[in-house]
Amino acid sequence: MELELKNDQIAIKVRSQGGELRSLRELSDGTEYLWNGDPTWWKYSSPVLFPIVGKLRDGRYVVDGKTYELPQHGLARTREFELLRQDERAVWFELKYNEETLAIYPFKFSLQIGYELSGRSVKVCWKVGNLDGSKPLYFSIGAHPALRCPIVAGEQFSDCYLDFGKPQSSGCYEITPEVLFLHGKRPDLKGATMPFSYELFKNGVHVFDDLSSDSFTIRSQKSGKSITLTAPGFPFLGIWTPEKGGAPFICIEPWYGHADYADFSGEFKDREGVIKTEPAAVFETSYTLSLG
């Protein structure tokens, strides 16, 4: 099922599979800002990463001494969500635990995703509820929106850059070929902008945990078009495009949590960035995409 919402400035499309945002379009001139999920490059547009972000070491994790398996980025992005409610400015979906999810993720959860329109922005809202009355819920959650780059047809990937709004001096995590984390960092970002080139991503995703900004803008040097992702409170930010080069999008990814360290061997609850939610409690967060 795919639904469309629009106001007088923007239109979005959202599908029930994965509760995923599939389109973000400017109505005045028809400019599309979100990747369409063509599997030639990447079959998603803006999946939610839950209950893990990235990869597990050997694809496995341990809860209370028992071993389970999850694919990269977890289980939510491939599952069918239920439509909770819809009105002129918002739509909400929900995914709840069932026997199938309990077999691979032994927690009773509710994951709600909402999309709320306001002017030239869409706010993406998450509510993660612990439906277990006796034990904590442990999880990570992250965003993975693929934003068109170049934004305007006829321009090049290198015509765009990322604007952090203020000067940064940050190192990004070293990552193994299996996309697991190492404890060291390499110098990576100095200044208020990151010029885009495919060469920049030859070693994979750039992940930061010490940025002083929570607002990130992709700008075109030629057309003046831009899109801003604002994500207050997220401890990690990933920046990625496929390593082989040529993909017409860039992913700006705010995360709670990240892939396993290559030497991690503890319980799931001890993974860096994991959120603990007490019985019957709800964790809420959001990020916003705004057209310039």
C-alpha atoms as a PDB file:
ATOM      1  CA  MET A   1       0.000   0.000   0.000  1.00  0.00           C
ATOM      2  CA  GLU A   2       1.289   3.448  -0.935  1.00  0.00           C
ATOM      3  CA  LEU A   3      -0.222   6.722   0.259  1.00  0.00           C
ATOM      4  CA  GLU A   4       0.316  10.329  -0.800  1.00  0.00           C
ATOM      5  CA  LEU A   5       0.103  13.409   1.406  1.00  0.00           C
ATOM      6  CA  LYS A   6       0.534  16.986   0.256  1.00  0.00           C
ATOM      7  CA  ASN A   7       0.046  20.578   1.295  1.00  0.00           C
ATOM      8  CA  ASP A   8       0.406  23.668  -0.867  1.00  0.00           C
ATOM      9  CA  GLN A   9       4.205  23.313  -1.130  1.00  0.00           C
ATOM     10  CA  ILE A  10       5.337  19.684  -0.955  1.00  0.00           C
ATOM     11  CA  ALA A  11       4.057  16.162  -1.538  1.00  0.00           C
ATOM     12  CA  ILE A  12       5.264  12.897  -0.032  1.00  0.00           C
ATOM     13  CA  LYS A  13       4.598   9.244  -0.751  1.00  0.00           C
ATOM     14  CA  VAL A  14       4.838   6.618   1.979  1.00  0.00           C
ATOM     15  CA  ARG A  15       4.413   2.863   1.677  1.00  0.00           C
ATOM     16  CA  SER A  16       3.289   0.363   4.283  1.00  0.00           C
ATOM     17  CA  GLN A  17       6.197  -1.985   3.534  1.00  0.00           C
ATOM     18  CA  GLY A  18       8.824  -0.832   5.979  1.00  0.00           C
ATOM     19  CA  GLY A  19       6.712   2.224   6.820  1.00  0.00           C
ATOM     20  CA  GLU A  20       9.046   3.873   4.326  1.00  0.00           C
ATOM     21  CA  LEU A  21       9.104   7.374   2.857  1.00  0.00           C
ATOM     22  CA  ARG A  22       9.388   6.906  -0.925  1.00  0.00           C
ATOM     23  CA  SER A  23       9.074  10.401  -2.368  1.00  0.00           C
ATOM     24  CA  LEU A  24       9.560  14.027  -1.314  1.00  0.00           C
ATOM     25  CA  ARG A  25       8.593  16.406  -4.093  1.00  0.00           C
ATOM     26  CA  GLU A  26       8.467  20.176  -4.436  1.00  0.00           C
ATOM     27  CA  LEU A  27       5.133  21.121  -5.993  1.00  0.00           C
ATOM     28  CA  SER A  28       6.122  24.441  -7.560  1.00  0.00           C
ATOM     29  CA  ASP A  29       8.462  22.876 -10.136  1.00  0.00           C
ATOM     30  CA  GLY A  30       8.157  19.116  -9.566  1.00  0.00           C
ATOM     31  CA  THR A  31      11.700  18.650  -8.200  1.00  0.00           C
ATOM     32  CA  GLU A  32      12.114  15.258  -6.503  1.00  0.00           C
ATOM     33  CA  TYR A  33      14.516  15.148  -3.546  1.00  0.00           C
ATOM     34  CA  LEU A  34      14.392  11.470  -2.569  1.00  0.00           C
ATOM     35  CA  TRP A  35      15.933   8.491  -4.378  1.00  0.00           C
ATOM     36  CA  ASN A  36      13.248   6.302  -5.976  1.00  0.00           C
ATOM     37  CA  GLY A  37      14.598   2.915  -4.840  1.00  0.00           C
ATOM     38  CA  ASP A  38      15.750   1.716  -8.262  1.00  0.00           C
ATOM     39  CA  PRO A  39      17.639  -1.520  -7.381  1.00  0.00           C
ATOM     40  CA  THR A  40      20.273  -0.718 -10.012  1.00  0.00           C
ATOM     41  CA  TRP A  41      21.899   1.227  -7.198  1.00  0.00           C
ATOM     42  CA  TRP A  42      19.891   0.615  -4.016  1.00  0.00           C
ATOM     43  CA  LYS A  43      16.360  -0.736  -3.607  1.00  0.00           C
ATOM     44  CA  TYR A  44      15.412   1.499  -0.682  1.00  0.00           C
ATOM     45  CA  SER A  45      14.556   5.189  -0.413  1.00  0.00           C
ATOM     46  CA  SER A  46      14.457   5.916   3.324  1.00  0.00           C
ATOM     47  CA  PRO A  47      14.269   2.769   5.460  1.00  0.00           C
ATOM     48  CA  VAL A  48      14.119   2.722   9.250  1.00  0.00           C
ATOM     49  CA  LEU A  49      16.948   0.709  10.819  1.00  0.00           C
ATOM     50  CA  PHE A  50      15.579  -1.298  13.754  1.00  0.00           C
ATOM     51  CA  PRO A  51      16.405  -2.955  16.151  1.00  0.00           C
ATOM     52  CA  ILE A  52      20.015  -2.694  14.993  1.00  0.00           C
ATOM     53  CA  VAL A  53      21.984  -0.200  12.936  1.00  0.00           C
ATOM     54  CA  GLY A  54      24.588  -1.729  10.647  1.00  0.00           C
ATOM     55  CA  LYS A  55      25.949  -5.248  10.960  1.00  0.00           C
ATOM     56  CA  LEU A  56      26.358  -7.687  13.816  1.00  0.00           C
ATOM     57  CA  ARG A  57      29.628  -9.520  14.217  1.00  0.00           C
ATOM     58  CA  ASP A  58      29.125 -12.804  12.296  1.00  0.00           C
ATOM     59  CA  GLY A  59      25.446 -11.815  11.950  1.00  0.00           C
ATOM     60  CA  ARG A  60      24.760 -12.970  15.516  1.00  0.00           C
ATOM     61  CA  TYR A  61      24.036 -11.479  18.924  1.00  0.00           C
ATOM     62  CA  VAL A  62      23.379 -12.755  22.431  1.00  0.00           C
ATOM     63  CA  VAL A  63      20.468 -12.084  24.801  1.00  0.00           C
ATOM     64  CA  ASP A  64      20.562 -13.700  28.249  1.00  0.00           C
ATOM     65  CA  GLY A  65      23.105 -16.236  27.008  1.00  0.00           C
ATOM     66  CA  LYS A  66      21.087 -17.317  23.946  1.00  0.00           C
ATOM     67  CA  THR A  67      22.291 -16.616  20.405  1.00  0.00           C
ATOM     68  CA  TYR A  68      20.085 -15.031  17.723  1.00  0.00           C
ATOM     69  CA  GLU A  69      20.640 -13.814  14.152  1.00  0.00           C
ATOM     70  CA  LEU A  70      19.592 -10.603  12.408  1.00  0.00           C
ATOM     71  CA  PRO A  71      20.450  -9.257   8.942  1.00  0.00           C
ATOM     72  CA  GLN A  72      22.155  -5.911   8.431  1.00  0.00           C
ATOM     73  CA  HIS A  73      20.014  -3.017   9.729  1.00  0.00           C
ATOM     74  CA  GLY A  74      17.536  -5.355  11.424  1.00  0.00           C
ATOM     75  CA  LEU A  75      14.027  -6.504  10.647  1.00  0.00           C
ATOM     76  CA  ALA A  76      11.760  -3.474  10.216  1.00  0.00           C
ATOM     77  CA  ARG A  77      12.645  -2.303   6.721  1.00  0.00           C
ATOM     78  CA  THR A  78      11.362  -5.494   5.064  1.00  0.00           C
ATOM     79  CA  ARG A  79       8.132  -5.934   7.038  1.00  0.00           C
ATOM     80  CA  GLU A  80       4.585  -4.781   6.422  1.00  0.00           C
ATOM     81  CA  PHE A  81       3.399  -2.033   8.768  1.00  0.00           C
ATOM     82  CA  GLU A  82      -0.225  -1.435   9.715  1.00  0.00           C
ATOM     83  CA  LEU A  83      -1.834   1.911   8.916  1.00  0.00           C
ATOM     84  CA  LEU A  84      -2.807   3.485  12.237  1.00  0.00           C
ATOM     85  CA  ARG A  85      -4.322   6.776  11.143  1.00  0.00           C
ATOM     86  CA  GLN A  86      -4.208   9.389   8.429  1.00  0.00           C
ATOM     87  CA  ASP A  87      -5.435  12.934   8.017  1.00  0.00           C
ATOM     88  CA  GLU A  88      -4.639  15.860   5.730  1.00  0.00           C
ATOM     89  CA  ARG A  89      -1.250  16.589   7.279  1.00  0.00           C
ATOM     90  CA  ALA A  90      -0.017  13.342   8.847  1.00  0.00           C
ATOM     91  CA  VAL A  91       0.066   9.565   8.493  1.00  0.00           C
ATOM     92  CA  TRP A  92       1.130   6.971  11.089  1.00  0.00           C
ATOM     93  CA  PHE A  93       2.100   3.308  10.729  1.00  0.00           C
ATOM     94  CA  GLU A  94       2.858   0.608  13.293  1.00  0.00           C
ATOM     95  CA  LEU A  95       4.815  -2.636  13.440  1.00  0.00           C
ATOM     96  CA  LYS A  96       4.301  -4.917  16.447  1.00  0.00           C
ATOM     97  CA  TYR A  97       6.130  -8.007  17.598  1.00  0.00           C
ATOM     98  CA  ASN A  98       4.748 -11.403  16.613  1.00  0.00           C
ATOM     99  CA  GLU A  99       5.881 -15.013  16.764  1.00  0.00           C
ATOM    100  CA  GLU A 100       8.097 -14.543  13.726  1.00  0.00           C
ATOM    101  CA  THR A 101       9.923 -11.514  15.149  1.00  0.00           C
ATOM    102  CA  LEU A 102      10.275 -13.113  18.590  1.00  0.00           C
ATOM    103  CA  ALA A 103      12.211 -15.963  16.991  1.00  0.00           C
ATOM    104  CA  ILE A 104      14.932 -13.564  15.823  1.00  0.00           C
ATOM    105  CA  TYR A 105      14.505 -10.641  18.255  1.00  0.00           C
ATOM    106  CA  PRO A 106      13.195 -11.797  21.658  1.00  0.00           C
ATOM    107  CA  PHE A 107      11.529  -8.551  22.745  1.00  0.00           C
ATOM    108  CA  LYS A 108       7.901  -7.421  22.746  1.00  0.00           C
ATOM    109  CA  PHE A 109       7.930  -4.092  20.950  1.00  0.00           C
ATOM    110  CA  SER A 110       5.789  -1.605  19.105  1.00  0.00           C
ATOM    111  CA  LEU A 111       7.436   0.577  16.454  1.00  0.00           C
ATOM    112  CA  GLN A 112       5.347   3.514  15.241  1.00  0.00           C
ATOM    113  CA  ILE A 113       6.452   5.780  12.389  1.00  0.00           C
ATOM    114  CA  GLY A 114       4.716   9.069  11.648  1.00  0.00           C
ATOM    115  CA  TYR A 115       5.119  11.575   8.810  1.00  0.00           C
ATOM    116  CA  GLU A 116       3.879  15.115   9.495  1.00  0.00           C
ATOM    117  CA  LEU A 117       3.832  17.894   6.893  1.00  0.00           C
ATOM    118  CA  SER A 118       4.428  21.546   7.741  1.00  0.00           C
ATOM    119  CA  GLY A 119       5.223  24.128   5.064  1.00  0.00           C
ATOM    120  CA  ARG A 120       8.265  22.898   3.133  1.00  0.00           C
ATOM    121  CA  SER A 121       9.154  20.237   5.724  1.00  0.00           C
ATOM    122  CA  VAL A 122       8.269  16.687   6.649  1.00  0.00           C
ATOM    123  CA  LYS A 123       8.887  15.559  10.223  1.00  0.00           C
ATOM    124  CA  VAL A 124       9.669  11.862  10.610  1.00  0.00           C
ATOM    125  CA  CYS A 125       8.572  10.663  14.068  1.00  0.00           C
ATOM    126  CA  TRP A 126       9.424   7.397  15.832  1.00  0.00           C
ATOM    127  CA  LYS A 127       7.830   5.882  18.904  1.00  0.00           C
ATOM    128  CA  VAL A 128       9.277   2.635  20.251  1.00  0.00           C
ATOM    129  CA  GLY A 129       7.160   1.078  22.985  1.00  0.00           C
ATOM    130  CA  ASN A 130       8.068  -1.715  25.364  1.00  0.00           C
ATOM    131  CA  LEU A 131       5.025  -4.017  25.448  1.00  0.00           C
ATOM    132  CA  ASP A 132       6.582  -6.367  27.975  1.00  0.00           C
ATOM    133  CA  GLY A 133       5.395  -5.905  31.533  1.00  0.00           C
ATOM    134  CA  SER A 134       8.412  -7.449  33.207  1.00  0.00           C
ATOM    135  CA  LYS A 135      11.699  -6.786  31.397  1.00  0.00           C
ATOM    136  CA  PRO A 136      13.511  -3.936  29.608  1.00  0.00           C
ATOM    137  CA  LEU A 137      13.527  -3.509  25.843  1.00  0.00           C
ATOM    138  CA  TYR A 138      16.934  -3.026  24.196  1.00  0.00           C
ATOM    139  CA  PHE A 139      17.304  -1.692  20.666  1.00  0.00           C
ATOM    140  CA  SER A 140      19.050   0.672  18.294  1.00  0.00           C
ATOM    141  CA  ILE A 141      17.281   2.773  15.687  1.00  0.00           C
ATOM    142  CA  GLY A 142      18.455   4.870  12.773  1.00  0.00           C
ATOM    143  CA  ALA A 143      17.460   6.724   9.633  1.00  0.00           C
ATOM    144  CA  HIS A 144      18.809   6.034   6.138  1.00  0.00           C
ATOM    145  CA  PRO A 145      17.263   8.612   3.746  1.00  0.00           C
ATOM    146  CA  ALA A 146      18.795   8.573   0.273  1.00  0.00           C
ATOM    147  CA  LEU A 147      18.728  12.175  -0.940  1.00  0.00           C
ATOM    148  CA  ARG A 148      19.124  12.879  -4.635  1.00  0.00           C
ATOM    149  CA  CYS A 149      22.554  14.170  -5.561  1.00  0.00           C
ATOM    150  CA  PRO A 150      22.640  15.868  -7.936  1.00  0.00           C
ATOM    151  CA  ILE A 151      19.286  17.395  -7.088  1.00  0.00           C
ATOM    152  CA  VAL A 152      18.660  18.821 -10.557  1.00  0.00           C
ATOM    153  CA  ALA A 153      18.929  16.844 -13.799  1.00  0.00           C
ATOM    154  CA  GLY A 154      21.974  17.782 -15.851  1.00  0.00           C
ATOM    155  CA  GLU A 155      24.180  18.540 -12.857  1.00  0.00           C
ATOM    156  CA  GLN A 156      26.923  16.315 -11.441  1.00  0.00           C
ATOM    157  CA  PHE A 157      27.431  14.614  -8.056  1.00  0.00           C
ATOM    158  CA  SER A 158      30.425  16.900  -7.510  1.00  0.00           C
ATOM    159  CA  ASP A 159      28.239  19.983  -8.017  1.00  0.00           C
ATOM    160  CA  CYS A 160      26.805  19.373  -4.539  1.00  0.00           C
ATOM    161  CA  TYR A 161      28.348  19.588  -1.084  1.00  0.00           C
ATOM    162  CA  LEU A 162      27.316  19.066   2.538  1.00  0.00           C
ATOM    163  CA  ASP A 163      27.004  22.167   4.713  1.00  0.00           C
ATOM    164  CA  PHE A 164      27.293  21.603   8.471  1.00  0.00           C
ATOM    165  CA  GLY A 165      26.347  25.174   9.340  1.00  0.00           C
ATOM    166  CA  LYS A 166      29.401  25.657  11.543  1.00  0.00           C
ATOM    167  CA  PRO A 167      33.079  24.602  11.444  1.00  0.00           C
ATOM    168  CA  GLN A 168      33.836  21.019  12.434  1.00  0.00           C
ATOM    169  CA  SER A 169      37.015  19.227  13.441  1.00  0.00           C
ATOM    170  CA  SER A 170      36.107  15.553  13.540  1.00  0.00           C
ATOM    171  CA  GLY A 171      37.479  12.111  12.866  1.00  0.00           C
ATOM    172  CA  CYS A 172      35.449   9.226  11.483  1.00  0.00           C
ATOM    173  CA  TYR A 173      35.514   5.623  12.623  1.00  0.00           C
ATOM    174  CA  GLU A 174      37.845   3.171  10.981  1.00  0.00           C
ATOM    175  CA  ILE A 175      35.771   0.337   9.487  1.00  0.00           C
ATOM    176  CA  THR A 176      36.739  -3.160   8.346  1.00  0.00           C
ATOM    177  CA  PRO A 177      35.941  -4.550   4.861  1.00  0.00           C
ATOM    178  CA  GLU A 178      33.078  -6.447   6.569  1.00  0.00           C
ATOM    179  CA  VAL A 179      31.684  -3.041   7.694  1.00  0.00           C
ATOM    180  CA  LEU A 180      32.432  -3.621  11.364  1.00  0.00           C
ATOM    181  CA  PHE A 181      33.849  -0.845  13.526  1.00  0.00           C
ATOM    182  CA  LEU A 182      37.405  -0.486  14.788  1.00  0.00           C
ATOM    183  CA  HIS A 183      38.260   1.537  17.863  1.00  0.00           C
ATOM    184  CA  GLY A 184      40.521   3.999  16.072  1.00  0.00           C
ATOM    185  CA  LYS A 185      39.502   7.055  14.057  1.00  0.00           C
ATOM    186  CA  ARG A 186      41.064   8.804  11.100  1.00  0.00           C
ATOM    187  CA  PRO A 187      41.107  12.583  10.531  1.00  0.00           C
ATOM    188  CA  ASP A 188      38.265  13.269   8.130  1.00  0.00           C
ATOM    189  CA  LEU A 189      36.456  16.566   8.503  1.00  0.00           C
ATOM    190  CA  LYS A 190      37.830  20.044   9.030  1.00  0.00           C
ATOM    191  CA  GLY A 191      35.717  23.074   8.242  1.00  0.00           C
ATOM    192  CA  ALA A 192      32.037  23.759   7.737  1.00  0.00           C
ATOM    193  CA  THR A 193      31.554  21.878   4.449  1.00  0.00           C
ATOM    194  CA  MET A 194      32.233  18.492   2.863  1.00  0.00           C
ATOM    195  CA  PRO A 195      32.648  18.627  -0.947  1.00  0.00           C
ATOM    196  CA  PHE A 196      31.224  15.511  -2.602  1.00  0.00           C
ATOM    197  CA  SER A 197      33.184  13.147  -4.804  1.00  0.00           C
ATOM    198  CA  TYR A 198      32.847   9.413  -5.371  1.00  0.00           C
ATOM    199  CA  GLU A 199      36.497   9.020  -4.409  1.00  0.00           C
ATOM    200  CA  LEU A 200      35.573  10.249  -0.927  1.00  0.00           C
ATOM    201  CA  PHE A 201      33.523   7.074  -0.367  1.00  0.00           C
ATOM    202  CA  LYS A 202      35.968   4.494  -1.753  1.00  0.00           C
ATOM    203  CA  ASN A 203      36.430   3.120   1.784  1.00  0.00           C
ATOM    204  CA  GLY A 204      32.728   3.092   2.593  1.00  0.00           C
ATOM    205  CA  VAL A 205      30.576   4.986   5.049  1.00  0.00           C
ATOM    206  CA  HIS A 206      31.844   7.950   7.084  1.00  0.00           C
ATOM    207  CA  VAL A 207      30.570   7.793  10.676  1.00  0.00           C
ATOM    208  CA  PHE A 208      30.960  10.573  13.235  1.00  0.00           C
ATOM    209  CA  ASP A 209      30.100  10.807  16.924  1.00  0.00           C
ATOM    210  CA  ASP A 210      31.474  14.243  17.804  1.00  0.00           C
ATOM    211  CA  LEU A 211      29.855  16.732  15.440  1.00  0.00           C
ATOM    212  CA  SER A 212      28.860  20.075  16.929  1.00  0.00           C
ATOM    213  CA  SER A 213      25.945  20.485  14.520  1.00  0.00           C
ATOM    214  CA  ASP A 214      22.595  18.696  14.315  1.00  0.00           C
ATOM    215  CA  SER A 215      21.582  20.222  10.985  1.00  0.00           C
ATOM    216  CA  PHE A 216      23.033  19.059   7.658  1.00  0.00           C
ATOM    217  CA  THR A 217      22.293  20.643   4.282  1.00  0.00           C
ATOM    218  CA  ILE A 218      22.977  19.265   0.817  1.00  0.00           C
ATOM    219  CA  ARG A 219      23.463  22.268  -1.468  1.00  0.00           C
ATOM    220  CA  SER A 220      23.826  22.563  -5.215  1.00  0.00           C
ATOM    221  CA  GLN A 221      26.507  25.022  -6.254  1.00  0.00           C
ATOM    222  CA  LYS A 222      24.770  25.546  -9.599  1.00  0.00           C
ATOM    223  CA  SER A 223      20.990  25.547  -9.152  1.00  0.00           C
ATOM    224  CA  GLY A 224      20.879  26.824  -5.576  1.00  0.00           C
ATOM    225  CA  LYS A 225      18.565  23.949  -4.610  1.00  0.00           C
ATOM    226  CA  SER A 226      19.060  22.467  -1.157  1.00  0.00           C
ATOM    227  CA  ILE A 227      17.606  20.034   1.360  1.00  0.00           C
ATOM    228  CA  THR A 228      18.308  20.085   5.096  1.00  0.00           C
ATOM    229  CA  LEU A 229      18.135  17.170   7.531  1.00  0.00           C
ATOM    230  CA  THR A 230      17.791  18.270  11.154  1.00  0.00           C
ATOM    231  CA  ALA A 231      18.286  15.573  13.803  1.00  0.00           C
ATOM    232  CA  PRO A 232      18.715  16.859  17.354  1.00  0.00           C
ATOM    233  CA  GLY A 233      19.944  14.425  19.976  1.00  0.00           C
ATOM    234  CA  PHE A 234      21.233  11.644  17.717  1.00  0.00           C
ATOM    235  CA  PRO A 235      24.674  10.505  18.916  1.00  0.00           C
ATOM    236  CA  PHE A 236      25.969   9.197  15.556  1.00  0.00           C
ATOM    237  CA  LEU A 237      25.826  10.385  11.951  1.00  0.00           C
ATOM    238  CA  GLY A 238      26.626   8.272   8.908  1.00  0.00           C
ATOM    239  CA  ILE A 239      27.279   9.672   5.413  1.00  0.00           C
ATOM    240  CA  TRP A 240      27.249   7.143   2.562  1.00  0.00           C
ATOM    241  CA  THR A 241      26.895   6.487  -1.121  1.00  0.00           C
ATOM    242  CA  PRO A 242      27.744   3.150  -2.811  1.00  0.00           C
ATOM    243  CA  GLU A 243      31.479   2.529  -2.922  1.00  0.00           C
ATOM    244  CA  LYS A 244      31.514   1.636  -6.629  1.00  0.00           C
ATOM    245  CA  GLY A 245      30.652   5.239  -7.498  1.00  0.00           C
ATOM    246  CA  GLY A 246      28.094   6.717  -9.859  1.00  0.00           C
ATOM    247  CA  ALA A 247      24.981   6.483  -7.688  1.00  0.00           C
ATOM    248  CA  PRO A 248      22.841   9.646  -7.977  1.00  0.00           C
ATOM    249  CA  PHE A 249      22.177   9.990  -4.244  1.00  0.00           C
ATOM    250  CA  ILE A 250      23.832  10.543  -0.887  1.00  0.00           C
ATOM    251  CA  CYS A 251      22.553   9.146   2.419  1.00  0.00           C
ATOM    252  CA  ILE A 252      22.650  11.373   5.513  1.00  0.00           C
ATOM    253  CA  GLU A 253      21.957   9.004   8.404  1.00  0.00           C
ATOM    254  CA  PRO A 254      21.309   9.985  12.043  1.00  0.00           C
ATOM    255  CA  TRP A 255      21.611   6.950  14.324  1.00  0.00           C
ATOM    256  CA  TYR A 256      21.170   5.702  17.846  1.00  0.00           C
ATOM    257  CA  GLY A 257      23.798   2.962  17.765  1.00  0.00           C
ATOM    258  CA  HIS A 258      26.041   1.544  15.048  1.00  0.00           C
ATOM    259  CA  ALA A 259      27.526  -1.706  13.728  1.00  0.00           C
ATOM    260  CA  ASP A 260      29.382  -4.025  16.099  1.00  0.00           C
ATOM    261  CA  TYR A 261      33.025  -3.494  16.847  1.00  0.00           C
ATOM    262  CA  ALA A 262      35.092  -6.212  15.192  1.00  0.00           C
ATOM    263  CA  ASP A 263      36.150  -7.509  18.618  1.00  0.00           C
ATOM    264  CA  PHE A 264      32.756  -7.258  20.356  1.00  0.00           C
ATOM    265  CA  SER A 265      31.660 -10.397  22.192  1.00  0.00           C
ATOM    266  CA  GLY A 266      29.241  -9.154  24.865  1.00  0.00           C
ATOM    267  CA  GLU A 267      25.470  -9.247  25.291  1.00  0.00           C
ATOM    268  CA  PHE A 268      23.161  -7.275  23.008  1.00  0.00           C
ATOM    269  CA  LYS A 269      22.376  -4.805  25.805  1.00  0.00           C
ATOM    270  CA  ASP A 270      26.076  -3.889  26.019  1.00  0.00           C
ATOM    271  CA  ARG A 271      26.439  -2.766  22.388  1.00  0.00           C
ATOM    272  CA  GLU A 272      27.503   0.878  22.102  1.00  0.00           C
ATOM    273  CA  GLY A 273      24.555   3.206  21.591  1.00  0.00           C
ATOM    274  CA  VAL A 274      21.834   0.684  22.494  1.00  0.00           C
ATOM    275  CA  ILE A 275      18.735   2.229  24.077  1.00  0.00           C
ATOM    276  CA  LYS A 276      17.148   0.721  27.170  1.00  0.00           C
ATOM    277  CA  THR A 277      13.387   1.220  27.593  1.00  0.00           C
ATOM    278  CA  GLU A 278      11.712   0.050  30.787  1.00  0.00           C
ATOM    279  CA  PRO A 279       8.502  -2.055  30.845  1.00  0.00           C
ATOM    280  CA  ALA A 280       5.471  -0.184  29.446  1.00  0.00           C
ATOM    281  CA  ALA A 281       7.627   2.867  28.586  1.00  0.00           C
ATOM    282  CA  VAL A 282       7.952   4.567  25.185  1.00  0.00           C
ATOM    283  CA  PHE A 283      11.049   6.062  23.548  1.00  0.00           C
ATOM    284  CA  GLU A 284      10.330   8.953  21.166  1.00  0.00           C
ATOM    285  CA  THR A 285      12.554  10.829  18.727  1.00  0.00           C
ATOM    286  CA  SER A 286      12.313  12.491  15.323  1.00  0.00           C
ATOM    287  CA  TYR A 287      14.193  14.136  12.485  1.00  0.00           C
ATOM    288  CA  THR A 288      13.038  16.637   9.840  1.00  0.00           C
ATOM    289  CA  LEU A 289      13.652  17.043   6.115  1.00  0.00           C
ATOM    290  CA  SER A 290      13.215  20.628   4.876  1.00  0.00           C
ATOM    291  CA  LEU A 291      13.451  21.950   1.321  1.00  0.00           C
ATOM    292  CA  GLY A 292      15.529  25.086   0.849  1.00  0.00           C
END
